Amino acid sequence: MASRRSSTKRGNAGRGKNEKPSAAKKKAPAKKAPVKKSAAKKAPLKKRAPKKPSLPASTVTRPPKKPAFNAKTDSANDPNWVAPVWDDDVLLGAHVSIAGGTHAAPARGRAIGATAMQIFTKMANRWAERDCEDAECGAFRAAMGETRIRDTIAHDSYLINLASPNETLRRQSIESFVGELKRCEALGLTYLVSHPGNYIDDRASGIQRNAEGITEALSRAPGNTILCMETTAGSGTAIGATFEDLAQLIDAIPEPYRARVAVCVDTCHAYSAGYDLVNAYEDVMRQFDDVLGLARLRVMHLNDSKTPFNSRRDRHELIGEGSLGDVAFRNVMNDARLARVPKVIETPKGTDPTATDARMLARLRGYIAAM
């Protein structure tokens, strides 16, 4: 800001505002001392950058943050909620919250009429590990006994990357993966679903690192839980966007450990990776059988997609409300080859997961014999 100048002139001090000096006392006006301009005045004013317009929701590349589970708004805790009961053999359910402990998950599965259920066994976005103590395992099994759930699935931590070329991260990932397998065995879970890693440097080297990490983990955590490697959407350096990737990964795992490894197909991921489940469903199933064998398909994630076919993006949408629409899910739900494959949804849940999931599962059952 420029410095202020004084308006008082020499010789005027003590007089009124309008009083003039007498002629006898009048003196020549004194020369004004030069006033230095401040640096602030010399500097040009900076123009404010125009405010950037906010991007419309459709152009945002990051997925919206999922709302935290709130028991107060969930219908599973509403005494007036009537849980659906389905008189069929369809293995269908959802990923449900373990808020309050793993023993709280089965009741949430029962509230949506699930016959299959997926959970996390710890916080998926943190490295902190934990063991499942006997009391927890007993409470979980007792709660499961009050449901019609026949297949249980865990999803491993999102932080794990067994294919990483960074040895520190890879070692941390292997230790975390061993913990995942041990918790699954302790809780008696049927399957553990895992995303293949990101190779970062070279695909073939990444697949080999991934296979070696899986082999070590399975050797250190024996048990009955089947590991299902999940198809991915194909973004970045992720392994698993093609059936050939998964076949190469599984073939690189030696026996007897290979016998514990299978595949989970995610409909959103497969469609985004270029497998057209809408217009070429039979061709996709034939490709899977030729490359991997249908016997290796042990779990399915049923998710619609917010993005178009072959987008290479992983953005889940409510069943029948995305780019896959009704057709793909009618195909899946009426495929006799998949009758014994447990299917779980990972679709948006809103503020009431129980009500939303129950509605999606009812919609999927409504597709049966509706070709």
Protein backbone atom coordinates (compact mmCIF):
# COMPACT_ATOMS: atom_id res chain seq x y z
CA MET A 1 0.00 0.00 0.00
CA ALA A 2 1.41 3.50 -0.92
CA SER A 3 2.59 5.69 2.03
CA ARG A 4 0.37 8.59 3.06
CA ARG A 5 1.51 12.24 2.46
CA SER A 6 1.02 14.97 5.08
CA SER A 7 -1.30 17.81 3.91
CA THR A 8 0.16 20.35 6.40
CA LYS A 9 2.41 23.07 4.82
CA ARG A 10 5.32 24.73 6.60
CA GLY A 11 4.24 28.14 8.10
CA ASN A 12 0.60 27.20 8.49
CA ALA A 13 0.91 25.60 11.91
CA GLY A 14 -1.30 27.23 14.57
CA ARG A 15 -3.64 29.09 12.18
CA GLY A 16 -7.21 28.41 11.41
CA LYS A 17 -8.23 26.68 8.32
CA ASN A 18 -9.11 29.91 6.37
CA GLU A 19 -6.63 32.35 7.91
CA LYS A 20 -4.05 33.93 5.47
CA PRO A 21 -0.53 35.02 6.51
CA SER A 22 0.16 38.80 6.64
CA ALA A 23 2.27 40.43 3.92
CA ALA A 24 5.05 41.36 6.40
CA LYS A 25 5.41 37.87 7.63
CA LYS A 26 4.93 36.23 4.31
CA LYS A 27 7.88 34.08 3.32
CA ALA A 28 8.86 32.36 0.15
CA PRO A 29 7.39 28.95 0.06
CA ALA A 30 9.82 26.27 1.11
CA LYS A 31 10.82 23.65 -1.36
CA LYS A 32 9.09 20.36 -0.80
CA ALA A 33 11.30 17.46 0.04
CA PRO A 34 10.94 14.70 -2.49
CA VAL A 35 8.72 11.97 -1.27
CA LYS A 36 9.92 8.43 -1.97
CA LYS A 37 7.39 6.19 -3.47
CA SER A 38 6.99 3.00 -1.56
CA ALA A 39 7.90 -0.32 -3.13
CA ALA A 40 4.29 -1.34 -2.83
CA LYS A 41 3.23 1.45 -5.16
CA LYS A 42 5.85 0.61 -7.76
CA ALA A 43 4.89 -3.04 -7.88
CA PRO A 44 2.13 -3.74 -10.38
CA LEU A 45 -1.05 -5.11 -8.90
CA LYS A 46 -1.43 -8.83 -9.33
CA LYS A 47 -4.50 -9.92 -11.18
CA ARG A 48 -6.54 -12.56 -9.49
CA ALA A 49 -6.74 -15.79 -11.39
CA PRO A 50 -10.27 -16.47 -12.52
CA LYS A 51 -12.05 -19.01 -10.35
CA LYS A 52 -12.06 -22.41 -11.99
CA PRO A 53 -15.54 -23.74 -12.60
CA SER A 54 -16.31 -26.92 -10.69
CA LEU A 55 -16.36 -30.02 -12.85
CA PRO A 56 -19.65 -31.76 -13.40
CA ALA A 57 -19.97 -35.07 -11.59
CA SER A 58 -19.71 -37.04 -14.84
CA THR A 59 -16.13 -35.84 -15.47
CA VAL A 60 -14.70 -36.63 -12.04
CA THR A 61 -12.26 -39.52 -12.37
CA ARG A 62 -12.02 -40.50 -8.71
CA PRO A 63 -14.83 -42.64 -7.30
CA PRO A 64 -17.04 -40.86 -4.78
CA LYS A 65 -16.18 -41.55 -1.17
CA LYS A 66 -18.39 -44.29 0.21
CA PRO A 67 -20.50 -43.16 3.15
CA ALA A 68 -19.46 -44.73 6.42
CA PHE A 69 -21.76 -47.45 7.70
CA ASN A 70 -24.34 -45.96 10.05
CA ALA A 71 -26.21 -48.48 12.17
CA LYS A 72 -28.86 -45.89 13.02
CA THR A 73 -30.02 -45.58 9.41
CA ASP A 74 -29.71 -49.26 8.51
CA SER A 75 -32.94 -51.25 8.31
CA ALA A 76 -31.25 -54.31 9.83
CA ASN A 77 -31.63 -52.55 13.19
CA ASP A 78 -35.24 -51.53 12.61
CA PRO A 79 -37.57 -53.76 14.68
CA ASN A 80 -40.21 -53.35 11.98
CA TRP A 81 -37.95 -54.58 9.15
CA VAL A 82 -39.14 -57.87 7.67
CA ALA A 83 -36.23 -59.89 6.30
CA PRO A 84 -36.98 -61.59 2.97
CA VAL A 85 -36.83 -65.39 2.98
CA TRP A 86 -36.36 -67.10 -0.36
CA ASP A 87 -37.48 -70.69 -0.84
CA ASP A 88 -34.88 -71.62 -3.45
CA ASP A 89 -31.32 -72.90 -3.82
CA VAL A 90 -29.91 -69.73 -5.40
CA LEU A 91 -26.55 -68.73 -3.85
CA LEU A 92 -26.93 -64.97 -3.75
CA GLY A 93 -25.92 -62.24 -1.34
CA ALA A 94 -23.87 -59.10 -0.81
CA HIS A 95 -20.76 -57.67 0.77
CA VAL A 96 -21.90 -56.63 4.24
CA SER A 97 -20.32 -54.50 6.95
CA ILE A 98 -18.44 -55.93 9.95
CA ALA A 99 -19.02 -52.75 11.99
CA GLY A 100 -19.15 -53.84 15.63
CA GLY A 101 -17.19 -57.02 14.89
CA THR A 102 -17.30 -59.95 12.47
CA HIS A 103 -20.04 -61.56 14.58
CA ALA A 104 -22.37 -58.69 13.58
CA ALA A 105 -22.13 -59.46 9.85
CA PRO A 106 -24.30 -62.62 9.68
CA ALA A 107 -27.35 -60.78 11.06
CA ARG A 108 -26.95 -58.19 8.30
CA GLY A 109 -26.75 -61.00 5.77
CA ARG A 110 -29.92 -62.54 7.20
CA ALA A 111 -31.70 -59.18 7.00
CA ILE A 112 -31.27 -59.07 3.21
CA GLY A 113 -32.24 -62.71 2.68
CA ALA A 114 -28.67 -63.71 1.73
CA THR A 115 -27.58 -67.28 1.06
CA ALA A 116 -24.00 -66.10 0.35
CA MET A 117 -22.09 -63.32 2.09
CA GLN A 118 -18.83 -61.41 1.65
CA ILE A 119 -16.99 -59.47 4.36
CA PHE A 120 -13.64 -57.89 5.19
CA THR A 121 -11.85 -59.55 8.08
CA LYS A 122 -10.13 -56.26 9.00
CA MET A 123 -10.08 -52.64 7.82
CA ALA A 124 -9.33 -52.92 4.10
CA ASN A 125 -7.50 -49.60 3.72
CA ARG A 126 -5.05 -49.99 6.61
CA TRP A 127 -1.99 -52.14 7.12
CA ALA A 128 -2.78 -52.85 10.78
CA GLU A 129 -3.03 -56.61 11.23
CA ARG A 130 -4.98 -58.62 13.79
CA ASP A 131 -5.70 -62.19 14.80
CA CYS A 132 -9.15 -63.73 15.17
CA GLU A 133 -9.30 -64.99 18.75
CA ASP A 134 -11.33 -68.04 19.78
CA ALA A 135 -14.12 -65.95 21.31
CA GLU A 136 -14.59 -63.97 18.09
CA CYS A 137 -14.59 -67.11 15.97
CA GLY A 138 -17.13 -68.77 18.25
CA ALA A 139 -19.44 -65.76 18.15
CA PHE A 140 -19.19 -65.57 14.36
CA ARG A 141 -20.00 -69.25 13.89
CA ALA A 142 -22.91 -69.04 16.32
CA ALA A 143 -24.33 -66.04 14.44
CA MET A 144 -23.92 -67.88 11.14
CA GLY A 145 -26.00 -70.73 12.54
CA GLU A 146 -29.00 -68.39 12.66
CA THR A 147 -28.87 -67.67 8.91
CA ARG A 148 -29.43 -69.48 5.62
CA ILE A 149 -25.99 -68.43 4.36
CA ARG A 150 -24.16 -71.39 2.85
CA ASP A 151 -21.06 -69.81 1.31
CA THR A 152 -18.91 -67.20 3.03
CA ILE A 153 -16.34 -65.03 1.28
CA ALA A 154 -13.72 -62.55 2.44
CA HIS A 155 -12.16 -59.82 0.32
CA ASP A 156 -8.54 -59.02 1.10
CA SER A 157 -7.03 -55.59 1.79
CA TYR A 158 -6.88 -53.08 -1.06
CA LEU A 159 -3.30 -52.22 -0.07
CA ILE A 160 -1.81 -55.62 -0.87
CA ASN A 161 0.33 -55.77 -4.02
CA LEU A 162 2.11 -59.11 -4.36
CA ALA A 163 3.37 -58.13 -7.83
CA SER A 164 5.20 -54.97 -6.76
CA PRO A 165 8.87 -54.60 -7.82
CA ASN A 166 9.40 -52.67 -4.57
CA GLU A 167 10.69 -55.37 -2.24
CA THR A 168 9.67 -53.50 0.92
CA LEU A 169 6.06 -53.11 -0.23
CA ARG A 170 5.96 -56.64 -1.57
CA ARG A 171 7.22 -58.11 1.69
CA GLN A 172 4.65 -56.11 3.65
CA SER A 173 1.99 -57.33 1.21
CA ILE A 174 2.97 -60.97 1.66
CA GLU A 175 2.81 -60.68 5.46
CA SER A 176 -0.61 -59.03 5.24
CA PHE A 177 -1.81 -61.69 2.80
CA VAL A 178 -0.73 -64.46 5.16
CA GLY A 179 -2.80 -62.73 7.86
CA GLU A 180 -5.82 -62.65 5.55
CA LEU A 181 -5.59 -66.40 4.91
CA LYS A 182 -5.19 -67.20 8.60
CA ARG A 183 -8.24 -65.14 9.58
CA CYS A 184 -10.32 -66.83 6.86
CA GLU A 185 -9.33 -70.24 8.17
CA ALA A 186 -10.02 -69.25 11.78
CA LEU A 187 -13.52 -67.97 10.90
CA GLY A 188 -14.25 -70.95 8.64
CA LEU A 189 -14.75 -68.88 5.47
CA THR A 190 -15.12 -70.72 2.17
CA TYR A 191 -13.32 -68.29 -0.14
CA LEU A 192 -10.86 -65.39 -0.11
CA VAL A 193 -11.12 -63.02 -3.09
CA SER A 194 -7.97 -61.12 -4.04
CA HIS A 195 -7.11 -58.56 -6.72
CA PRO A 196 -3.98 -59.53 -8.66
CA GLY A 197 -1.29 -56.91 -8.12
CA ASN A 198 0.10 -54.05 -10.19
CA TYR A 199 3.28 -55.08 -12.01
CA ILE A 200 4.60 -51.46 -12.40
CA ASP A 201 7.66 -52.43 -14.47
CA ASP A 202 7.12 -55.54 -16.62
CA ARG A 203 3.95 -57.64 -16.86
CA ALA A 204 5.62 -61.07 -17.06
CA SER A 205 7.91 -60.26 -14.11
CA GLY A 206 4.95 -58.94 -12.12
CA ILE A 207 2.91 -62.09 -12.73
CA GLN A 208 5.86 -64.21 -11.59
CA ARG A 209 6.33 -62.12 -8.43
CA ASN A 210 2.59 -62.40 -7.75
CA ALA A 211 2.67 -66.18 -8.16
CA GLU A 212 5.67 -66.53 -5.86
CA GLY A 213 4.00 -64.37 -3.22
CA ILE A 214 0.81 -66.46 -3.35
CA THR A 215 2.83 -69.66 -3.12
CA GLU A 216 4.70 -68.46 -0.03
CA ALA A 217 1.48 -67.28 1.65
CA LEU A 218 -0.39 -70.54 0.98
CA SER A 219 2.55 -72.55 2.29
CA ARG A 220 2.59 -70.51 5.52
CA ALA A 221 -1.21 -70.54 5.99
CA PRO A 222 -2.51 -74.05 5.29
CA GLY A 223 -6.22 -74.63 5.36
CA ASN A 224 -9.39 -75.17 3.37
CA THR A 225 -10.16 -71.61 2.24
CA ILE A 226 -10.01 -71.35 -1.56
CA LEU A 227 -8.18 -68.31 -2.96
CA CYS A 228 -10.07 -66.68 -5.86
CA MET A 229 -8.11 -64.28 -8.06
CA GLU A 230 -10.47 -61.57 -9.32
CA THR A 231 -10.77 -60.22 -12.84
CA THR A 232 -9.78 -56.54 -13.07
CA ALA A 233 -10.97 -53.65 -15.25
CA GLY A 234 -7.63 -53.15 -17.01
CA SER A 235 -6.55 -49.73 -15.77
CA GLY A 236 -2.86 -48.86 -15.42
CA THR A 237 -0.54 -51.81 -14.76
CA ALA A 238 -3.09 -54.04 -13.05
CA ILE A 239 -2.78 -57.75 -13.73
CA GLY A 240 -5.94 -59.76 -14.39
CA ALA A 241 -7.84 -57.82 -17.05
CA THR A 242 -7.61 -60.83 -19.38
CA PHE A 243 -8.37 -64.48 -18.78
CA GLU A 244 -4.87 -65.20 -20.15
CA ASP A 245 -3.32 -63.10 -17.33
CA LEU A 246 -5.10 -65.18 -14.72
CA ALA A 247 -4.23 -68.46 -16.44
CA GLN A 248 -0.56 -67.50 -16.56
CA LEU A 249 -0.66 -66.50 -12.88
CA ILE A 250 -2.33 -69.73 -11.74
CA ASP A 251 -0.05 -71.91 -13.90
CA ALA A 252 2.98 -70.30 -12.23
CA ILE A 253 1.80 -71.52 -8.79
CA PRO A 254 3.14 -75.03 -8.14
CA GLU A 255 1.13 -77.91 -6.74
CA PRO A 256 -0.17 -78.66 -4.18
CA TYR A 257 -0.90 -74.93 -3.73
CA ARG A 258 -2.42 -74.48 -7.18
CA ALA A 259 -5.31 -76.72 -6.13
CA ARG A 260 -6.35 -73.99 -3.66
CA VAL A 261 -6.51 -71.26 -6.33
CA ALA A 262 -9.58 -70.38 -8.41
CA VAL A 263 -11.14 -67.33 -10.09
CA CYS A 264 -13.73 -64.68 -9.23
CA VAL A 265 -15.36 -62.93 -12.19
CA ASP A 266 -16.61 -59.40 -11.53
CA THR A 267 -19.19 -58.43 -14.16
CA CYS A 268 -18.34 -54.72 -14.02
CA HIS A 269 -14.60 -55.40 -14.32
CA ALA A 270 -14.96 -57.93 -17.13
CA TYR A 271 -17.26 -55.65 -19.16
CA SER A 272 -14.95 -52.67 -18.62
CA ALA A 273 -11.98 -54.80 -19.71
CA GLY A 274 -13.63 -55.66 -23.04
CA TYR A 275 -15.61 -58.85 -22.38
CA ASP A 276 -19.06 -58.14 -23.80
CA LEU A 277 -21.44 -59.82 -21.37
CA VAL A 278 -24.37 -57.99 -22.98
CA ASN A 279 -24.07 -58.79 -26.70
CA ALA A 280 -21.66 -61.76 -26.71
CA TYR A 281 -22.31 -63.58 -23.42
CA GLU A 282 -21.84 -67.10 -24.81
CA ASP A 283 -18.61 -66.07 -26.53
CA VAL A 284 -17.24 -64.73 -23.23
CA MET A 285 -18.17 -67.92 -21.38
CA ARG A 286 -16.57 -70.00 -24.13
CA GLN A 287 -13.37 -67.96 -23.88
CA PHE A 288 -13.28 -68.43 -20.12
CA ASP A 289 -13.77 -72.18 -20.48
CA ASP A 290 -11.09 -72.46 -23.16
CA VAL A 291 -8.48 -70.43 -21.24
CA LEU A 292 -9.21 -71.24 -17.58
CA GLY A 293 -11.89 -73.92 -17.46
CA LEU A 294 -15.33 -73.31 -15.95
CA ALA A 295 -14.42 -75.49 -12.98
CA ARG A 296 -12.09 -72.67 -11.82
CA LEU A 297 -14.96 -70.15 -11.64
CA ARG A 298 -15.87 -70.34 -7.95
CA VAL A 299 -17.22 -66.85 -7.07
CA MET A 300 -18.93 -64.03 -8.97
CA HIS A 301 -19.30 -60.37 -8.13
CA LEU A 302 -22.47 -59.03 -9.74
CA ASN A 303 -22.04 -55.30 -10.31
CA ASP A 304 -23.39 -53.02 -13.01
CA SER A 305 -21.06 -50.36 -14.43
CA LYS A 306 -21.24 -46.56 -14.41
CA THR A 307 -18.90 -46.44 -17.44
CA PRO A 308 -19.31 -47.73 -21.02
CA PHE A 309 -18.13 -51.03 -22.46
CA ASN A 310 -14.34 -51.40 -22.65
CA SER A 311 -13.83 -48.22 -20.56
CA ARG A 312 -11.01 -49.77 -18.49
CA ARG A 313 -12.55 -48.17 -15.41
CA ASP A 314 -13.88 -49.76 -12.23
CA ARG A 315 -17.07 -47.90 -11.26
CA HIS A 316 -19.88 -50.01 -9.82
CA GLU A 317 -23.55 -49.18 -10.34
CA LEU A 318 -26.84 -50.57 -9.09
CA ILE A 319 -28.03 -53.72 -10.86
CA GLY A 320 -29.80 -52.93 -14.14
CA GLU A 321 -29.11 -49.20 -13.85
CA GLY A 322 -25.72 -49.00 -15.58
CA SER A 323 -24.19 -49.82 -18.96
CA LEU A 324 -24.68 -53.59 -18.54
CA GLY A 325 -28.41 -53.14 -17.98
CA ASP A 326 -30.79 -56.04 -17.45
CA VAL A 327 -29.56 -58.35 -20.22
CA ALA A 328 -26.19 -59.33 -18.73
CA PHE A 329 -27.69 -60.22 -15.38
CA ARG A 330 -30.52 -62.21 -16.93
CA ASN A 331 -27.84 -64.19 -18.76
CA VAL A 332 -25.93 -64.88 -15.54
CA MET A 333 -28.94 -65.69 -13.36
CA ASN A 334 -30.31 -68.18 -15.91
CA ASP A 335 -27.01 -69.91 -16.71
CA ALA A 336 -27.27 -73.47 -15.34
CA ARG A 337 -23.46 -73.77 -15.45
CA LEU A 338 -23.27 -71.10 -12.73
CA ALA A 339 -25.98 -72.48 -10.44
CA ARG A 340 -23.50 -73.60 -7.75
CA VAL A 341 -21.35 -70.46 -7.99
CA PRO A 342 -22.04 -68.02 -5.11
CA LYS A 343 -22.84 -64.54 -6.40
CA VAL A 344 -22.51 -61.39 -4.29
CA ILE A 345 -23.19 -57.76 -5.11
CA GLU A 346 -20.84 -54.85 -4.31
CA THR A 347 -23.18 -52.15 -5.57
CA PRO A 348 -23.71 -48.68 -4.04
CA LYS A 349 -25.62 -48.90 -0.75
CA GLY A 350 -26.74 -45.33 0.00
CA THR A 351 -27.73 -44.52 3.57
CA ASP A 352 -29.62 -47.78 4.14
CA PRO A 353 -27.47 -50.75 3.01
CA THR A 354 -29.99 -53.38 4.09
CA ALA A 355 -32.92 -51.89 2.20
CA THR A 356 -30.82 -51.21 -0.92
CA ASP A 357 -29.16 -54.63 -1.00
CA ALA A 358 -32.47 -56.42 -0.40
CA ARG A 359 -33.97 -54.54 -3.34
CA MET A 360 -31.03 -55.46 -5.61
CA LEU A 361 -31.17 -59.14 -4.64
CA ALA A 362 -34.91 -59.24 -5.27
CA ARG A 363 -34.28 -57.68 -8.68
CA LEU A 364 -31.67 -60.34 -9.53
CA ARG A 365 -34.02 -63.15 -8.49
CA GLY A 366 -36.68 -61.54 -10.66
CA TYR A 367 -34.48 -62.14 -13.71
CA ILE A 368 -34.58 -65.93 -13.25
CA ALA A 369 -36.53 -67.59 -16.08
CA ALA A 370 -37.23 -64.13 -17.49
CA MET A 371 -35.19 -64.42 -20.70
